[in-house]
Amino acid sequence: MARKTAQYICQQCGASHPKWAGQCPDCMAWNSLSEESVPDATPKGLGAKKGRPLNFVGLKGESEKEPRLVSGINEFDRVTGGGLVPGSAILIGGDPGVGKSTLVLQ
């Protein structure tokens, strides 16, 4: 559904203004602007513009696995997919006191 915006139309000269004023700036008539709802002409969201398909060229997919650094902690290596990938960042979170710092220091 199109959003409606308010336009103020002068009853004397027919000029359109985005804001109300006591006097029409075009014909200088006093108290001649009346509010009218006008549908928004610019479409927004999904209907705004047709998309175009993108070609995913050069993606490796799962055919090539990244080299991994094994930490030696079996469960940590399992959770990280077999070890740490060089150059990657891992976010370790948890409640206070569960051993995040201890895990990272080992």
PDB file of N, CA and C in Angstrom:
ATOM      1  N   MET A   1       0.834  -1.166   0.000  1.00  0.00           N
ATOM      2  CA  MET A   1       0.000   0.000   0.000  1.00  0.00           C
ATOM      3  C   MET A   1       0.886   1.238   0.000  1.00  0.00           C
ATOM      4  N   ALA A   2       0.587   2.171  -0.876  1.00  0.00           N
ATOM      5  CA  ALA A   2       1.392   3.373  -1.007  1.00  0.00           C
ATOM      6  C   ALA A   2       1.164   4.300   0.181  1.00  0.00           C
ATOM      7  N   ARG A   3       2.223   4.872   0.650  1.00  0.00           N
ATOM      8  CA  ARG A   3       2.137   5.813   1.750  1.00  0.00           C
ATOM      9  C   ARG A   3       1.646   7.150   1.212  1.00  0.00           C
ATOM     10  N   LYS A   4       0.832   7.827   1.979  1.00  0.00           N
ATOM     11  CA  LYS A   4       0.303   9.106   1.536  1.00  0.00           C
ATOM     12  C   LYS A   4       1.030  10.231   2.251  1.00  0.00           C
ATOM     13  N   THR A   5       1.311  11.285   1.502  1.00  0.00           N
ATOM     14  CA  THR A   5       1.945  12.458   2.075  1.00  0.00           C
ATOM     15  C   THR A   5       0.985  13.631   1.953  1.00  0.00           C
ATOM     16  N   ALA A   6       1.147  14.588   2.823  1.00  0.00           N
ATOM     17  CA  ALA A   6       0.272  15.758   2.802  1.00  0.00           C
ATOM     18  C   ALA A   6       0.882  16.830   1.915  1.00  0.00           C
ATOM     19  N   GLN A   7       0.073  17.379   1.040  1.00  0.00           N
ATOM     20  CA  GLN A   7       0.450  18.516   0.216  1.00  0.00           C
ATOM     21  C   GLN A   7      -0.536  19.634   0.520  1.00  0.00           C
ATOM     22  N   TYR A   8      -0.093  20.839   0.459  1.00  0.00           N
ATOM     23  CA  TYR A   8      -0.952  21.984   0.725  1.00  0.00           C
ATOM     24  C   TYR A   8      -1.154  22.727  -0.590  1.00  0.00           C
ATOM     25  N   ILE A   9      -2.407  22.773  -1.033  1.00  0.00           N
ATOM     26  CA  ILE A   9      -2.765  23.351  -2.325  1.00  0.00           C
ATOM     27  C   ILE A   9      -3.425  24.701  -2.086  1.00  0.00           C
ATOM     28  N   CYS A  10      -2.974  25.702  -2.836  1.00  0.00           N
ATOM     29  CA  CYS A  10      -3.561  27.032  -2.743  1.00  0.00           C
ATOM     30  C   CYS A  10      -4.895  27.037  -3.485  1.00  0.00           C
ATOM     31  N   GLN A  11      -5.946  27.533  -2.838  1.00  0.00           N
ATOM     32  CA  GLN A  11      -7.273  27.585  -3.451  1.00  0.00           C
ATOM     33  C   GLN A  11      -7.393  28.737  -4.450  1.00  0.00           C
ATOM     34  N   GLN A  12      -6.480  29.697  -4.391  1.00  0.00           N
ATOM     35  CA  GLN A  12      -6.528  30.844  -5.301  1.00  0.00           C
ATOM     36  C   GLN A  12      -5.791  30.564  -6.612  1.00  0.00           C
ATOM     37  N   CYS A  13      -4.528  30.070  -6.501  1.00  0.00           N
ATOM     38  CA  CYS A  13      -3.714  29.892  -7.712  1.00  0.00           C
ATOM     39  C   CYS A  13      -3.434  28.435  -8.051  1.00  0.00           C
ATOM     40  N   GLY A  14      -3.688  27.493  -7.125  1.00  0.00           N
ATOM     41  CA  GLY A  14      -3.478  26.071  -7.396  1.00  0.00           C
ATOM     42  C   GLY A  14      -2.059  25.588  -7.169  1.00  0.00           C
ATOM     43  N   ALA A  15      -1.197  26.426  -6.607  1.00  0.00           N
ATOM     44  CA  ALA A  15       0.190  26.034  -6.354  1.00  0.00           C
ATOM     45  C   ALA A  15       0.239  24.990  -5.236  1.00  0.00           C
ATOM     46  N   SER A  16       1.197  24.071  -5.333  1.00  0.00           N
ATOM     47  CA  SER A  16       1.356  22.996  -4.361  1.00  0.00           C
ATOM     48  C   SER A  16       2.595  23.261  -3.511  1.00  0.00           C
ATOM     49  N   HIS A  17       2.446  23.064  -2.189  1.00  0.00           N
ATOM     50  CA  HIS A  17       3.546  23.314  -1.260  1.00  0.00           C
ATOM     51  C   HIS A  17       3.655  22.154  -0.278  1.00  0.00           C
ATOM     52  N   PRO A  18       4.883  21.777   0.136  1.00  0.00           N
ATOM     53  CA  PRO A  18       5.041  20.654   1.067  1.00  0.00           C
ATOM     54  C   PRO A  18       4.678  21.005   2.512  1.00  0.00           C
ATOM     55  N   LYS A  19       4.710  22.286   2.882  1.00  0.00           N
ATOM     56  CA  LYS A  19       4.403  22.713   4.251  1.00  0.00           C
ATOM     57  C   LYS A  19       3.311  23.774   4.233  1.00  0.00           C
ATOM     58  N   TRP A  20       2.566  23.816   5.336  1.00  0.00           N
ATOM     59  CA  TRP A  20       1.525  24.824   5.445  1.00  0.00           C
ATOM     60  C   TRP A  20       2.144  26.165   5.774  1.00  0.00           C
ATOM     61  N   ALA A  21       1.577  27.212   5.225  1.00  0.00           N
ATOM     62  CA  ALA A  21       1.976  28.575   5.547  1.00  0.00           C
ATOM     63  C   ALA A  21       0.711  29.421   5.599  1.00  0.00           C
ATOM     64  N   GLY A  22       0.749  30.491   6.318  1.00  0.00           N
ATOM     65  CA  GLY A  22      -0.418  31.358   6.414  1.00  0.00           C
ATOM     66  C   GLY A  22      -0.700  32.083   5.116  1.00  0.00           C
ATOM     67  N   GLN A  23       0.355  32.302   4.331  1.00  0.00           N
ATOM     68  CA  GLN A  23       0.210  33.032   3.077  1.00  0.00           C
ATOM     69  C   GLN A  23       0.843  32.211   1.964  1.00  0.00           C
ATOM     70  N   CYS A  24       0.169  32.117   0.829  1.00  0.00           N
ATOM     71  CA  CYS A  24       0.717  31.391  -0.323  1.00  0.00           C
ATOM     72  C   CYS A  24       1.920  32.158  -0.857  1.00  0.00           C
ATOM     73  N   PRO A  25       3.093  31.528  -0.983  1.00  0.00           N
ATOM     74  CA  PRO A  25       4.273  32.232  -1.485  1.00  0.00           C
ATOM     75  C   PRO A  25       4.158  32.636  -2.955  1.00  0.00           C
ATOM     76  N   ASP A  26       3.274  31.977  -3.709  1.00  0.00           N
ATOM     77  CA  ASP A  26       3.171  32.283  -5.137  1.00  0.00           C
ATOM     78  C   ASP A  26       2.257  33.477  -5.419  1.00  0.00           C
ATOM     79  N   CYS A  27       1.032  33.448  -4.860  1.00  0.00           N
ATOM     80  CA  CYS A  27       0.067  34.505  -5.187  1.00  0.00           C
ATOM     81  C   CYS A  27      -0.172  35.474  -4.031  1.00  0.00           C
ATOM     82  N   MET A  28       0.456  35.226  -2.881  1.00  0.00           N
ATOM     83  CA  MET A  28       0.368  36.073  -1.694  1.00  0.00           C
ATOM     84  C   MET A  28      -1.036  36.143  -1.086  1.00  0.00           C
ATOM     85  N   ALA A  29      -1.890  35.153  -1.352  1.00  0.00           N
ATOM     86  CA  ALA A  29      -3.228  35.122  -0.757  1.00  0.00           C
ATOM     87  C   ALA A  29      -3.127  34.553   0.654  1.00  0.00           C
ATOM     88  N   TRP A  30      -3.860  35.142   1.593  1.00  0.00           N
ATOM     89  CA  TRP A  30      -3.828  34.713   2.983  1.00  0.00           C
ATOM     90  C   TRP A  30      -4.846  33.612   3.230  1.00  0.00           C
ATOM     91  N   ASN A  31      -4.464  32.604   4.062  1.00  0.00           N
ATOM     92  CA  ASN A  31      -5.317  31.483   4.483  1.00  0.00           C
ATOM     93  C   ASN A  31      -5.967  30.759   3.312  1.00  0.00           C
ATOM     94  N   SER A  32      -5.226  30.569   2.244  1.00  0.00           N
ATOM     95  CA  SER A  32      -5.791  29.900   1.067  1.00  0.00           C
ATOM     96  C   SER A  32      -5.245  28.488   0.873  1.00  0.00           C
ATOM     97  N   LEU A  33      -4.342  28.031   1.741  1.00  0.00           N
ATOM     98  CA  LEU A  33      -3.766  26.695   1.594  1.00  0.00           C
ATOM     99  C   LEU A  33      -4.636  25.675   2.310  1.00  0.00           C
ATOM    100  N   SER A  34      -4.995  24.605   1.595  1.00  0.00           N
ATOM    101  CA  SER A  34      -5.763  23.517   2.205  1.00  0.00           C
ATOM    102  C   SER A  34      -4.991  22.214   2.024  1.00  0.00           C
ATOM    103  N   GLU A  35      -5.080  21.344   3.036  1.00  0.00           N
ATOM    104  CA  GLU A  35      -4.330  20.089   3.033  1.00  0.00           C
ATOM    105  C   GLU A  35      -5.036  19.040   2.185  1.00  0.00           C
ATOM    106  N   GLU A  36      -4.254  18.341   1.357  1.00  0.00           N
ATOM    107  CA  GLU A  36      -4.766  17.231   0.558  1.00  0.00           C
ATOM    108  C   GLU A  36      -3.772  16.084   0.646  1.00  0.00           C
ATOM    109  N   SER A  37      -4.294  14.861   0.766  1.00  0.00           N
ATOM    110  CA  SER A  37      -3.434  13.674   0.812  1.00  0.00           C
ATOM    111  C   SER A  37      -3.110  13.234  -0.601  1.00  0.00           C
ATOM    112  N   VAL A  38      -1.828  13.064  -0.862  1.00  0.00           N
ATOM    113  CA  VAL A  38      -1.355  12.650  -2.178  1.00  0.00           C
ATOM    114  C   VAL A  38      -0.556  11.370  -1.994  1.00  0.00           C
ATOM    115  N   PRO A  39      -0.827  10.295  -2.786  1.00  0.00           N
ATOM    116  CA  PRO A  39      -0.014   9.081  -2.652  1.00  0.00           C
ATOM    117  C   PRO A  39       1.436   9.358  -3.020  1.00  0.00           C
ATOM    118  N   ASP A  40       2.329   8.729  -2.283  1.00  0.00           N
ATOM    119  CA  ASP A  40       3.761   8.891  -2.519  1.00  0.00           C
ATOM    120  C   ASP A  40       4.114   8.298  -3.871  1.00  0.00           C
ATOM    121  N   ALA A  41       4.783   9.085  -4.708  1.00  0.00           N
ATOM    122  CA  ALA A  41       5.085   8.656  -6.073  1.00  0.00           C
ATOM    123  C   ALA A  41       6.293   7.728  -6.144  1.00  0.00           C
ATOM    124  N   THR A  42       7.181   7.788  -5.160  1.00  0.00           N
ATOM    125  CA  THR A  42       8.385   6.965  -5.218  1.00  0.00           C
ATOM    126  C   THR A  42       8.146   5.648  -4.501  1.00  0.00           C
ATOM    127  N   PRO A  43       8.201   4.520  -5.206  1.00  0.00           N
ATOM    128  CA  PRO A  43       8.022   3.231  -4.539  1.00  0.00           C
ATOM    129  C   PRO A  43       9.237   2.902  -3.681  1.00  0.00           C
ATOM    130  N   LYS A  44       8.985   2.220  -2.577  1.00  0.00           N
ATOM    131  CA  LYS A  44      10.064   1.857  -1.661  1.00  0.00           C
ATOM    132  C   LYS A  44       9.993   0.377  -1.359  1.00  0.00           C
ATOM    133  N   GLY A  45      11.057  -0.158  -0.812  1.00  0.00           N
ATOM    134  CA  GLY A  45      11.069  -1.560  -0.417  1.00  0.00           C
ATOM    135  C   GLY A  45      11.288  -2.480  -1.603  1.00  0.00           C
ATOM    136  N   LEU A  46      10.648  -3.654  -1.559  1.00  0.00           N
ATOM    137  CA  LEU A  46      10.852  -4.659  -2.597  1.00  0.00           C
ATOM    138  C   LEU A  46      10.312  -4.217  -3.947  1.00  0.00           C
ATOM    139  N   GLY A  47       9.296  -3.377  -3.964  1.00  0.00           N
ATOM    140  CA  GLY A  47       8.712  -2.944  -5.227  1.00  0.00           C
ATOM    141  C   GLY A  47       9.426  -1.771  -5.856  1.00  0.00           C
ATOM    142  N   ALA A  48      10.466  -1.260  -5.222  1.00  0.00           N
ATOM    143  CA  ALA A  48      11.125  -0.063  -5.717  1.00  0.00           C
ATOM    144  C   ALA A  48      11.869  -0.299  -7.025  1.00  0.00           C
ATOM    145  N   LYS A  49      12.584  -1.381  -7.119  1.00  0.00           N
ATOM    146  CA  LYS A  49      13.404  -1.600  -8.301  1.00  0.00           C
ATOM    147  C   LYS A  49      13.534  -3.092  -8.525  1.00  0.00           C
ATOM    148  N   LYS A  50      13.509  -3.473  -9.754  1.00  0.00           N
ATOM    149  CA  LYS A  50      13.693  -4.884 -10.078  1.00  0.00           C
ATOM    150  C   LYS A  50      15.161  -5.240  -9.882  1.00  0.00           C
ATOM    151  N   GLY A  51      15.387  -6.366  -9.278  1.00  0.00           N
ATOM    152  CA  GLY A  51      16.749  -6.825  -9.062  1.00  0.00           C
ATOM    153  C   GLY A  51      17.283  -7.549 -10.285  1.00  0.00           C
ATOM    154  N   ARG A  52      18.528  -7.855 -10.247  1.00  0.00           N
ATOM    155  CA  ARG A  52      19.123  -8.630 -11.333  1.00  0.00           C
ATOM    156  C   ARG A  52      19.881  -9.794 -10.720  1.00  0.00           C
ATOM    157  N   PRO A  53      19.919 -10.917 -11.397  1.00  0.00           N
ATOM    158  CA  PRO A  53      20.623 -12.071 -10.839  1.00  0.00           C
ATOM    159  C   PRO A  53      22.133 -11.840 -10.838  1.00  0.00           C
ATOM    160  N   LEU A  54      22.769 -12.351  -9.823  1.00  0.00           N
ATOM    161  CA  LEU A  54      24.220 -12.263  -9.720  1.00  0.00           C
ATOM    162  C   LEU A  54      24.828 -13.618 -10.033  1.00  0.00           C
ATOM    163  N   ASN A  55      25.897 -13.614 -10.786  1.00  0.00           N
ATOM    164  CA  ASN A  55      26.620 -14.846 -11.073  1.00  0.00           C
ATOM    165  C   ASN A  55      27.737 -14.996 -10.050  1.00  0.00           C
ATOM    166  N   PHE A  56      27.712 -16.087  -9.330  1.00  0.00           N
ATOM    167  CA  PHE A  56      28.750 -16.352  -8.349  1.00  0.00           C
ATOM    168  C   PHE A  56      29.890 -17.086  -9.046  1.00  0.00           C
ATOM    169  N   VAL A  57      30.854 -16.321  -9.495  1.00  0.00           N
ATOM    170  CA  VAL A  57      31.985 -16.882 -10.222  1.00  0.00           C
ATOM    171  C   VAL A  57      33.178 -16.959  -9.280  1.00  0.00           C
ATOM    172  N   GLY A  58      33.854 -18.068  -9.304  1.00  0.00           N
ATOM    173  CA  GLY A  58      35.078 -18.214  -8.537  1.00  0.00           C
ATOM    174  C   GLY A  58      34.887 -18.674  -7.104  1.00  0.00           C
ATOM    175  N   LEU A  59      33.700 -19.070  -6.731  1.00  0.00           N
ATOM    176  CA  LEU A  59      33.516 -19.584  -5.382  1.00  0.00           C
ATOM    177  C   LEU A  59      34.053 -21.005  -5.299  1.00  0.00           C
ATOM    178  N   LYS A  60      34.787 -21.298  -4.230  1.00  0.00           N
ATOM    179  CA  LYS A  60      35.368 -22.626  -4.079  1.00  0.00           C
ATOM    180  C   LYS A  60      34.358 -23.626  -3.536  1.00  0.00           C
ATOM    181  N   GLY A  61      33.432 -23.150  -2.720  1.00  0.00           N
ATOM    182  CA  GLY A  61      32.465 -24.060  -2.120  1.00  0.00           C
ATOM    183  C   GLY A  61      33.135 -24.952  -1.095  1.00  0.00           C
ATOM    184  N   GLU A  62      32.629 -26.162  -0.951  1.00  0.00           N
ATOM    185  CA  GLU A  62      33.187 -27.093   0.020  1.00  0.00           C
ATOM    186  C   GLU A  62      34.200 -28.038  -0.610  1.00  0.00           C
ATOM    187  N   SER A  63      34.533 -27.828  -1.887  1.00  0.00           N
ATOM    188  CA  SER A  63      35.458 -28.743  -2.549  1.00  0.00           C
ATOM    189  C   SER A  63      36.879 -28.607  -1.997  1.00  0.00           C
ATOM    190  N   GLU A  64      37.277 -27.394  -1.625  1.00  0.00           N
ATOM    191  CA  GLU A  64      38.614 -27.200  -1.070  1.00  0.00           C
ATOM    192  C   GLU A  64      38.483 -26.793   0.392  1.00  0.00           C
ATOM    193  N   LYS A  65      39.155 -27.496   1.256  1.00  0.00           N
ATOM    194  CA  LYS A  65      39.113 -27.170   2.681  1.00  0.00           C
ATOM    195  C   LYS A  65      40.306 -26.297   3.028  1.00  0.00           C
ATOM    196  N   GLU A  66      40.054 -25.358   3.917  1.00  0.00           N
ATOM    197  CA  GLU A  66      41.116 -24.468   4.375  1.00  0.00           C
ATOM    198  C   GLU A  66      42.076 -25.238   5.279  1.00  0.00           C
ATOM    199  N   PRO A  67      43.372 -24.920   5.215  1.00  0.00           N
ATOM    200  CA  PRO A  67      44.302 -25.558   6.152  1.00  0.00           C
ATOM    201  C   PRO A  67      43.988 -25.088   7.572  1.00  0.00           C
ATOM    202  N   ARG A  68      44.058 -25.993   8.519  1.00  0.00           N
ATOM    203  CA  ARG A  68      43.677 -25.681   9.895  1.00  0.00           C
ATOM    204  C   ARG A  68      44.821 -25.980  10.853  1.00  0.00           C
ATOM    205  N   LEU A  69      44.885 -25.170  11.898  1.00  0.00           N
ATOM    206  CA  LEU A  69      45.854 -25.380  12.968  1.00  0.00           C
ATOM    207  C   LEU A  69      45.150 -26.124  14.097  1.00  0.00           C
ATOM    208  N   VAL A  70      45.620 -27.322  14.396  1.00  0.00           N
ATOM    209  CA  VAL A  70      45.008 -28.142  15.437  1.00  0.00           C
ATOM    210  C   VAL A  70      45.502 -27.650  16.789  1.00  0.00           C
ATOM    211  N   SER A  71      44.579 -27.423  17.723  1.00  0.00           N
ATOM    212  CA  SER A  71      44.944 -26.893  19.040  1.00  0.00           C
ATOM    213  C   SER A  71      45.380 -27.985  20.006  1.00  0.00           C
ATOM    214  N   GLY A  72      44.959 -29.209  19.776  1.00  0.00           N
ATOM    215  CA  GLY A  72      45.273 -30.289  20.695  1.00  0.00           C
ATOM    216  C   GLY A  72      44.172 -30.533  21.714  1.00  0.00           C
ATOM    217  N   ILE A  73      43.198 -29.655  21.793  1.00  0.00           N
ATOM    218  CA  ILE A  73      42.034 -29.853  22.668  1.00  0.00           C
ATOM    219  C   ILE A  73      40.938 -30.417  21.768  1.00  0.00           C
ATOM    220  N   ASN A  74      40.634 -31.701  21.938  1.00  0.00           N
ATOM    221  CA  ASN A  74      39.748 -32.401  21.006  1.00  0.00           C
ATOM    222  C   ASN A  74      38.398 -31.721  20.823  1.00  0.00           C
ATOM    223  N   GLU A  75      37.738 -31.355  21.901  1.00  0.00           N
ATOM    224  CA  GLU A  75      36.403 -30.761  21.797  1.00  0.00           C
ATOM    225  C   GLU A  75      36.463 -29.385  21.136  1.00  0.00           C
ATOM    226  N   PHE A  76      37.490 -28.599  21.443  1.00  0.00           N
ATOM    227  CA  PHE A  76      37.656 -27.284  20.820  1.00  0.00           C
ATOM    228  C   PHE A  76      37.890 -27.430  19.318  1.00  0.00           C
ATOM    229  N   ASP A  77      38.722 -28.391  18.933  1.00  0.00           N
ATOM    230  CA  ASP A  77      38.963 -28.637  17.508  1.00  0.00           C
ATOM    231  C   ASP A  77      37.688 -29.103  16.809  1.00  0.00           C
ATOM    232  N   ARG A  78      36.871 -29.910  17.476  1.00  0.00           N
ATOM    233  CA  ARG A  78      35.625 -30.381  16.881  1.00  0.00           C
ATOM    234  C   ARG A  78      34.659 -29.218  16.653  1.00  0.00           C
ATOM    235  N   VAL A  79      34.549 -28.331  17.648  1.00  0.00           N
ATOM    236  CA  VAL A  79      33.626 -27.199  17.550  1.00  0.00           C
ATOM    237  C   VAL A  79      34.069 -26.214  16.470  1.00  0.00           C
ATOM    238  N   THR A  80      35.359 -26.033  16.302  1.00  0.00           N
ATOM    239  CA  THR A  80      35.859 -25.094  15.292  1.00  0.00           C
ATOM    240  C   THR A  80      36.000 -25.727  13.919  1.00  0.00           C
ATOM    241  N   GLY A  81      35.507 -26.929  13.736  1.00  0.00           N
ATOM    242  CA  GLY A  81      35.523 -27.553  12.414  1.00  0.00           C
ATOM    243  C   GLY A  81      36.823 -28.237  12.076  1.00  0.00           C
ATOM    244  N   GLY A  82      37.590 -28.635  13.067  1.00  0.00           N
ATOM    245  CA  GLY A  82      38.840 -29.337  12.818  1.00  0.00           C
ATOM    246  C   GLY A  82      40.063 -28.532  13.188  1.00  0.00           C
ATOM    247  N   GLY A  83      39.886 -27.376  13.776  1.00  0.00           N
ATOM    248  CA  GLY A  83      41.010 -26.532  14.163  1.00  0.00           C
ATOM    249  C   GLY A  83      40.778 -25.100  13.722  1.00  0.00           C
ATOM    250  N   LEU A  84      41.758 -24.257  14.004  1.00  0.00           N
ATOM    251  CA  LEU A  84      41.655 -22.838  13.676  1.00  0.00           C
ATOM    252  C   LEU A  84      42.179 -22.569  12.273  1.00  0.00           C
ATOM    253  N   VAL A  85      41.461 -21.769  11.507  1.00  0.00           N
ATOM    254  CA  VAL A  85      41.901 -21.364  10.168  1.00  0.00           C
ATOM    255  C   VAL A  85      42.825 -20.166  10.338  1.00  0.00           C
ATOM    256  N   PRO A  86      44.028 -20.195   9.752  1.00  0.00           N
ATOM    257  CA  PRO A  86      44.937 -19.055   9.876  1.00  0.00           C
ATOM    258  C   PRO A  86      44.297 -17.781   9.318  1.00  0.00           C
ATOM    259  N   GLY A  87      44.394 -16.693  10.075  1.00  0.00           N
ATOM    260  CA  GLY A  87      43.835 -15.414   9.656  1.00  0.00           C
ATOM    261  C   GLY A  87      42.383 -15.215  10.032  1.00  0.00           C
ATOM    262  N   SER A  88      41.763 -16.210  10.647  1.00  0.00           N
ATOM    263  CA  SER A  88      40.354 -16.074  11.026  1.00  0.00           C
ATOM    264  C   SER A  88      40.245 -15.525  12.442  1.00  0.00           C
ATOM    265  N   ALA A  89      39.066 -15.045  12.781  1.00  0.00           N
ATOM    266  CA  ALA A  89      38.791 -14.561  14.132  1.00  0.00           C
ATOM    267  C   ALA A  89      37.709 -15.439  14.735  1.00  0.00           C
ATOM    268  N   ILE A  90      37.895 -15.846  15.971  1.00  0.00           N
ATOM    269  CA  ILE A  90      36.939 -16.694  16.680  1.00  0.00           C
ATOM    270  C   ILE A  90      36.428 -15.905  17.883  1.00  0.00           C
ATOM    271  N   LEU A  91      35.118 -15.845  18.045  1.00  0.00           N
ATOM    272  CA  LEU A  91      34.517 -15.187  19.195  1.00  0.00           C
ATOM    273  C   LEU A  91      34.158 -16.248  20.218  1.00  0.00           C
ATOM    274  N   ILE A  92      34.722 -16.109  21.405  1.00  0.00           N
ATOM    275  CA  ILE A  92      34.443 -17.063  22.477  1.00  0.00           C
ATOM    276  C   ILE A  92      33.626 -16.336  23.530  1.00  0.00           C
ATOM    277  N   GLY A  93      32.424 -16.837  23.788  1.00  0.00           N
ATOM    278  CA  GLY A  93      31.531 -16.200  24.743  1.00  0.00           C
ATOM    279  C   GLY A  93      31.016 -17.200  25.750  1.00  0.00           C
ATOM    280  N   GLY A  94      30.554 -16.701  26.862  1.00  0.00           N
ATOM    281  CA  GLY A  94      29.979 -17.547  27.898  1.00  0.00           C
ATOM    282  C   GLY A  94      29.785 -16.770  29.176  1.00  0.00           C
ATOM    283  N   ASP A  95      29.137 -17.394  30.130  1.00  0.00           N
ATOM    284  CA  ASP A  95      28.890 -16.772  31.426  1.00  0.00           C
ATOM    285  C   ASP A  95      30.210 -16.562  32.166  1.00  0.00           C
ATOM    286  N   PRO A  96      30.218 -15.631  33.122  1.00  0.00           N
ATOM    287  CA  PRO A  96      31.431 -15.413  33.914  1.00  0.00           C
ATOM    288  C   PRO A  96      31.820 -16.669  34.688  1.00  0.00           C
ATOM    289  N   GLY A  97      33.105 -16.983  34.639  1.00  0.00           N
ATOM    290  CA  GLY A  97      33.606 -18.097  35.426  1.00  0.00           C
ATOM    291  C   GLY A  97      33.581 -19.443  34.744  1.00  0.00           C
ATOM    292  N   VAL A  98      33.216 -19.529  33.461  1.00  0.00           N
ATOM    293  CA  VAL A  98      33.152 -20.836  32.807  1.00  0.00           C
ATOM    294  C   VAL A  98      34.485 -21.249  32.203  1.00  0.00           C
ATOM    295  N   GLY A  99      35.476 -20.354  32.153  1.00  0.00           N
ATOM    296  CA  GLY A  99      36.801 -20.750  31.698  1.00  0.00           C
ATOM    297  C   GLY A  99      37.190 -20.255  30.320  1.00  0.00           C
ATOM    298  N   LYS A 100      36.653 -19.138  29.896  1.00  0.00           N
ATOM    299  CA  LYS A 100      37.010 -18.594  28.578  1.00  0.00           C
ATOM    300  C   LYS A 100      38.491 -18.237  28.524  1.00  0.00           C
ATOM    301  N   SER A 101      38.964 -17.501  29.512  1.00  0.00           N
ATOM    302  CA  SER A 101      40.367 -17.089  29.533  1.00  0.00           C
ATOM    303  C   SER A 101      41.287 -18.291  29.673  1.00  0.00           C
ATOM    304  N   THR A 102      40.909 -19.249  30.483  1.00  0.00           N
ATOM    305  CA  THR A 102      41.712 -20.461  30.659  1.00  0.00           C
ATOM    306  C   THR A 102      41.814 -21.220  29.349  1.00  0.00           C
ATOM    307  N   LEU A 103      40.721 -21.319  28.620  1.00  0.00           N
ATOM    308  CA  LEU A 103      40.720 -22.013  27.335  1.00  0.00           C
ATOM    309  C   LEU A 103      41.642 -21.315  26.343  1.00  0.00           C
ATOM    310  N   VAL A 104      41.584 -19.998  26.287  1.00  0.00           N
ATOM    311  CA  VAL A 104      42.397 -19.251  25.324  1.00  0.00           C
ATOM    312  C   VAL A 104      43.875 -19.308  25.692  1.00  0.00           C
ATOM    313  N   LEU A 105      44.194 -19.351  26.974  1.00  0.00           N
ATOM    314  CA  LEU A 105      45.589 -19.376  27.393  1.00  0.00           C
ATOM    315  C   LEU A 105      46.253 -20.732  27.191  1.00  0.00           C
ATOM    316  N   GLN A 106      45.478 -21.794  26.992  1.00  0.00           N
ATOM    317  CA  GLN A 106      46.081 -23.124  26.855  1.00  0.00           C
ATOM    318  C   GLN A 106      46.586 -23.381  25.473  1.00  0.00           C
TER     319      GLN A 106
END
